[in-house]
């Protein structure tokens, strides 16, 4: 399934391999599947490079190392306490095997519209740190992901971390997805929402991101604005859901029709009624 396999021990050893055409490999859950379709390629394993994993609080951000696996993250106390919307998505991502192998950086680079971590990362205003032999840079996740399977990364760049602004406490974090079955499902539609309420139960801030209903995750600013100053009752959420249906651009495929995806995407907000 692969050509030559390299195991660099540092970023300095990695850059020449990428320049020679090797593909960087994190968990391999997507790359190895692609190799079956497109033929073998040289790979450079990232697992032996120090500094690419772990979870830390750094300069007002929660820093998630790109090589942190989904299983590592869903169990980590910092993620569970400060990023519950991401923890909820990780808990329903794939199978235990995929969660043990797959990484947060790999999920970003795969850039699947149905990627479960992506709506939470958009709602969390995540920035992606990516590096090359020229150094490291940061970009908002929505600038890095261009479309299905496409990112702004060059072949000689890798994702090294995800940085999330330290969230306020007391926010409502919600994630939900709909698939064709209850377990091991690829999303037909998914929604991540982070909402701040005042003491009267009215919305003072809302961030909503919807997945699997467009080429990339949709941040629905109209739906967010619709909720401001209102309680999370059925009327407000249904109106916000209508805004979502108007901005998404789903497709028909083997998992669902576009019409069904559009309907579900708007309905997912209704689960917040009375929260």
Protein backbone atom coordinates (compact mmCIF):
# COMPACT_ATOMS: atom_id res chain seq x y z
CA UNK A 1 0.00 0.00 0.00
CA UNK A 2 2.99 2.31 0.43
CA UNK A 3 6.38 2.79 -1.14
CA UNK A 4 9.32 3.51 1.09
CA UNK A 5 8.64 4.29 4.75
CA UNK A 6 10.78 6.83 6.62
CA UNK A 7 10.79 7.60 10.33
CA UNK A 8 12.40 11.01 10.87
CA UNK A 9 13.40 11.84 14.43
CA UNK A 10 13.04 15.61 14.05
CA UNK A 11 11.46 18.27 11.87
CA UNK A 12 14.92 18.96 10.43
CA UNK A 13 15.01 15.36 9.17
CA UNK A 14 11.45 15.60 7.85
CA UNK A 15 11.79 18.56 5.49
CA UNK A 16 14.17 16.91 2.95
CA UNK A 17 11.87 13.87 2.80
CA UNK A 18 8.87 16.04 1.98
CA UNK A 19 10.91 17.92 -0.62
CA UNK A 20 11.65 14.56 -2.27
CA UNK A 21 7.94 13.73 -2.47
CA UNK A 22 7.25 11.70 0.66
CA UNK A 23 3.79 12.13 2.18
CA UNK A 24 3.60 12.93 5.91
CA UNK A 25 1.65 10.29 7.83
CA UNK A 26 0.10 10.75 11.26
CA UNK A 27 -2.37 7.99 12.25
CA UNK A 28 -2.77 6.79 8.67
CA UNK A 29 -6.51 6.12 8.89
CA UNK A 30 -7.14 8.22 5.76
CA UNK A 31 -3.79 8.06 3.97
CA UNK A 32 -3.68 4.26 3.90
CA UNK A 33 -7.20 4.12 2.46
CA UNK A 34 -6.19 6.62 -0.23
CA UNK A 35 -3.13 4.52 -1.07
CA UNK A 36 -5.40 1.61 -1.95
CA UNK A 37 -7.20 3.78 -4.49
CA UNK A 38 -4.34 5.83 -5.93
CA UNK A 39 -1.36 3.51 -5.61
CA UNK A 40 1.70 3.45 -3.34
CA UNK A 41 3.64 6.50 -2.24
CA UNK A 42 6.61 7.15 -0.01
CA UNK A 43 5.57 8.14 3.52
CA UNK A 44 7.31 9.92 6.36
CA UNK A 45 5.96 8.86 9.76
CA UNK A 46 5.44 11.79 12.13
CA UNK A 47 5.15 9.68 15.28
CA UNK A 48 8.86 9.88 16.13
CA UNK A 49 9.09 13.68 16.00
CA UNK A 50 9.00 15.27 19.47
CA UNK A 51 6.73 18.22 20.25
CA UNK A 52 3.85 17.30 17.93
CA UNK A 53 1.55 15.80 20.57
CA UNK A 54 0.11 16.70 23.93
CA UNK A 55 -2.37 19.24 25.29
CA UNK A 56 -1.25 22.42 27.05
CA UNK A 57 -2.43 25.86 28.08
CA UNK A 58 -0.16 28.37 26.41
CA UNK A 59 -0.42 32.16 25.99
CA UNK A 60 -4.16 32.31 26.59
CA UNK A 61 -4.87 29.34 24.32
CA UNK A 62 -5.47 25.64 24.63
CA UNK A 63 -2.85 24.05 22.42
CA UNK A 64 -3.63 20.65 20.91
CA UNK A 65 -0.63 18.94 19.35
CA UNK A 66 -1.41 17.76 15.83
CA UNK A 67 -0.35 14.19 16.67
CA UNK A 68 -2.70 13.93 19.66
CA UNK A 69 -5.08 11.08 18.89
CA UNK A 70 -8.83 11.40 19.18
CA UNK A 71 -8.74 8.96 22.09
CA UNK A 72 -6.06 11.03 23.84
CA UNK A 73 -8.10 14.18 23.46
CA UNK A 74 -11.50 12.83 24.47
CA UNK A 75 -9.99 11.60 27.75
CA UNK A 76 -7.89 14.68 28.48
CA UNK A 77 -9.14 16.73 31.45
CA UNK A 78 -8.34 20.07 29.79
CA UNK A 79 -10.37 19.14 26.71
CA UNK A 80 -13.27 17.80 28.74
CA UNK A 81 -13.36 20.86 30.98
CA UNK A 82 -12.71 23.72 28.56
CA UNK A 83 -13.63 22.29 25.13
CA UNK A 84 -16.65 20.06 25.80
CA UNK A 85 -18.08 20.65 22.32
CA UNK A 86 -14.95 19.05 20.88
CA UNK A 87 -15.01 16.23 23.43
CA UNK A 88 -18.62 15.43 22.46
CA UNK A 89 -17.67 15.21 18.79
CA UNK A 90 -14.61 13.06 19.48
CA UNK A 91 -16.70 10.62 21.53
CA UNK A 92 -18.79 9.70 18.47
CA UNK A 93 -16.03 9.82 15.86
CA UNK A 94 -15.61 6.50 14.09
CA UNK A 95 -14.74 3.35 15.99
CA UNK A 96 -12.45 2.82 19.00
CA UNK A 97 -9.74 1.72 16.55
CA UNK A 98 -10.06 4.91 14.51
CA UNK A 99 -10.06 7.05 17.67
CA UNK A 100 -6.91 5.30 18.90
CA UNK A 101 -5.07 5.82 15.60
CA UNK A 102 -6.52 8.98 14.07
CA UNK A 103 -5.18 12.41 15.03
CA UNK A 104 -6.61 15.90 15.24
CA UNK A 105 -4.10 17.13 12.67
CA UNK A 106 -4.99 14.35 10.28
CA UNK A 107 -8.71 15.09 10.58
CA UNK A 108 -8.02 18.69 9.58
CA UNK A 109 -5.75 17.85 6.66
CA UNK A 110 -8.19 15.25 5.29
CA UNK A 111 -10.64 18.19 5.01
CA UNK A 112 -13.73 16.01 4.73
CA UNK A 113 -17.00 17.98 4.82
CA UNK A 114 -18.20 15.21 7.19
CA UNK A 115 -15.17 15.41 9.51
CA UNK A 116 -16.57 15.31 13.04
CA UNK A 117 -13.95 17.56 14.65
CA UNK A 118 -14.33 20.35 12.13
CA UNK A 119 -17.65 22.01 13.18
CA UNK A 120 -16.46 22.22 16.83
CA UNK A 121 -13.13 23.69 15.73
CA UNK A 122 -14.89 26.30 13.59
CA UNK A 123 -17.23 27.18 16.48
CA UNK A 124 -14.24 27.44 18.82
CA UNK A 125 -12.49 29.91 16.47
CA UNK A 126 -9.55 27.52 16.24
CA UNK A 127 -6.32 28.55 14.59
CA UNK A 128 -4.14 25.98 12.88
CA UNK A 129 -0.37 26.10 13.30
CA UNK A 130 1.45 24.75 10.25
CA UNK A 131 5.16 24.53 9.64
CA UNK A 132 7.78 24.07 6.95
CA UNK A 133 11.54 24.48 6.82
CA UNK A 134 10.87 28.26 6.64
CA UNK A 135 9.19 28.22 10.08
CA UNK A 136 5.72 28.14 11.63
CA UNK A 137 2.61 30.13 10.73
CA UNK A 138 -0.96 30.42 12.05
CA UNK A 139 -4.23 30.64 10.13
CA UNK A 140 -7.89 30.39 11.10
CA UNK A 141 -9.15 26.93 10.27
CA UNK A 142 -11.67 28.29 7.76
CA UNK A 143 -8.82 29.85 5.75
CA UNK A 144 -6.85 26.60 5.69
CA UNK A 145 -9.64 24.26 4.51
CA UNK A 146 -10.61 25.04 0.92
CA UNK A 147 -12.94 22.19 -0.04
CA UNK A 148 -13.38 18.42 0.10
CA UNK A 149 -9.89 16.98 0.49
CA UNK A 150 -8.28 20.35 -0.26
CA UNK A 151 -6.31 22.64 2.04
CA UNK A 152 -4.05 25.64 1.57
CA UNK A 153 -1.05 23.58 2.69
CA UNK A 154 1.76 22.95 0.23
CA UNK A 155 3.31 19.44 -0.02
CA UNK A 156 6.22 20.66 2.11
CA UNK A 157 4.08 21.92 5.02
CA UNK A 158 2.53 19.97 7.89
CA UNK A 159 0.03 20.85 10.62
CA UNK A 160 1.89 20.98 13.93
CA UNK A 161 -0.82 22.14 16.37
CA UNK A 162 -4.28 23.59 16.85
CA UNK A 163 -4.62 26.68 19.04
CA UNK A 164 -7.99 27.54 20.56
CA UNK A 165 -8.61 30.83 22.39
CA UNK A 166 -9.20 30.05 26.03
CA UNK A 167 -13.00 29.88 26.32
CA UNK A 168 -15.02 31.54 29.03
CA UNK A 169 -16.62 29.30 31.62
CA UNK A 170 -20.39 28.89 31.76
CA UNK A 171 -20.92 28.65 28.01
CA UNK A 172 -23.38 26.17 26.55
CA UNK A 173 -21.50 23.68 24.34
CA UNK A 174 -23.56 21.47 22.04
CA UNK A 175 -22.62 18.95 19.36
CA UNK A 176 -24.86 16.57 17.51
CA UNK A 177 -24.70 14.61 14.30
CA UNK A 178 -27.14 12.51 12.32
CA UNK A 179 -26.03 9.43 10.39
CA UNK A 180 -27.61 6.41 8.80
CA UNK A 181 -27.05 4.35 11.94
CA UNK A 182 -26.50 4.97 15.64
CA UNK A 183 -22.81 3.98 15.76
CA UNK A 184 -19.78 4.21 13.44
CA UNK A 185 -21.73 6.61 11.23
CA UNK A 186 -20.43 9.16 8.76
CA UNK A 187 -22.37 12.37 9.28
CA UNK A 188 -25.35 13.17 7.10
CA UNK A 189 -25.43 16.51 8.94
CA UNK A 190 -23.75 17.76 12.10
CA UNK A 191 -23.93 20.88 14.21
CA UNK A 192 -21.69 22.50 16.79
CA UNK A 193 -22.97 25.42 18.85
CA UNK A 194 -21.38 27.52 21.56
CA UNK A 195 -23.81 29.91 23.23
CA UNK A 196 -23.52 32.40 26.06
CA UNK A 197 -26.63 33.33 28.05
CA UNK A 198 -27.18 36.27 30.39
CA UNK A 199 -28.72 35.93 33.84
CA UNK A 200 -32.17 36.23 32.27
CA UNK A 201 -31.53 33.29 29.95
CA UNK A 202 -31.18 35.41 26.82
CA UNK A 203 -28.49 34.80 24.21
CA UNK A 204 -25.64 37.30 24.30
CA UNK A 205 -23.28 35.38 22.01
CA UNK A 206 -23.75 32.47 19.61
CA UNK A 207 -21.36 30.58 17.36
CA UNK A 208 -22.91 27.94 15.11
CA UNK A 209 -21.11 25.68 12.64
CA UNK A 210 -22.74 23.03 10.45
CA UNK A 211 -20.96 20.11 8.79
CA UNK A 212 -21.61 17.67 5.93
CA UNK A 213 -23.98 20.06 4.12
CA UNK A 214 -21.54 22.05 1.94
CA UNK A 215 -18.02 21.68 0.52
CA UNK A 216 -16.67 23.01 3.82
CA UNK A 217 -18.11 23.65 7.27
CA UNK A 218 -20.67 26.47 7.25
CA UNK A 219 -20.53 29.19 9.91
CA UNK A 220 -24.08 30.53 9.83
CA UNK A 221 -23.81 34.18 10.85
CA UNK A 222 -27.47 34.85 10.06
CA UNK A 223 -28.59 32.12 12.45
CA UNK A 224 -26.26 33.45 15.12
CA UNK A 225 -27.62 36.98 14.77
CA UNK A 226 -31.19 35.65 14.85
CA UNK A 227 -30.69 34.23 18.36
CA UNK A 228 -29.16 37.33 19.96
CA UNK A 229 -31.30 38.80 22.73
CA UNK A 230 -33.72 35.87 22.68
CA UNK A 231 -34.30 32.82 24.85
CA UNK A 232 -33.62 29.36 23.46
CA UNK A 233 -37.27 28.59 22.85
CA UNK A 234 -38.70 26.67 19.93
CA UNK A 235 -39.71 29.78 18.01
CA UNK A 236 -36.24 31.36 18.11
CA UNK A 237 -34.46 28.10 17.29
CA UNK A 238 -36.83 27.26 14.45
CA UNK A 239 -36.24 30.70 12.93
CA UNK A 240 -32.48 30.26 13.25
CA UNK A 241 -32.84 26.81 11.68
CA UNK A 242 -34.54 28.38 8.68
CA UNK A 243 -31.48 30.61 8.22
CA UNK A 244 -29.27 27.52 8.25
CA UNK A 245 -31.38 25.83 5.57
CA UNK A 246 -31.04 28.87 3.32
CA UNK A 247 -27.23 29.03 3.43
CA UNK A 248 -26.22 25.36 3.24
CA UNK A 249 -25.54 23.72 -0.13
CA UNK A 250 -25.88 19.96 0.40
CA UNK A 251 -25.62 17.30 -2.28
CA UNK A 252 -27.34 13.99 -3.01
CA UNK A 253 -25.16 10.95 -2.34
CA UNK A 254 -25.48 7.34 -1.20
CA UNK A 255 -26.02 8.43 2.41
CA UNK A 256 -28.78 11.02 1.99
CA UNK A 257 -30.54 13.37 -0.39
CA UNK A 258 -29.77 17.07 -0.43
CA UNK A 259 -33.33 17.84 0.69
CA UNK A 260 -33.02 15.57 3.70
CA UNK A 261 -29.65 17.06 4.67
CA UNK A 262 -31.05 20.58 4.45
CA UNK A 263 -34.04 19.70 6.61
CA UNK A 264 -31.96 17.94 9.25
CA UNK A 265 -29.34 20.71 9.38
CA UNK A 266 -31.99 23.21 10.45
CA UNK A 267 -33.72 20.82 12.82
CA UNK A 268 -30.57 20.04 14.82
CA UNK A 269 -30.83 23.41 16.56
CA UNK A 270 -34.19 22.42 18.04
CA UNK A 271 -32.37 20.09 20.44
CA UNK A 272 -31.36 23.22 22.34
CA UNK A 273 -34.94 24.07 23.28
CA UNK A 274 -35.20 24.92 26.95
CA UNK A 275 -31.49 24.64 27.68
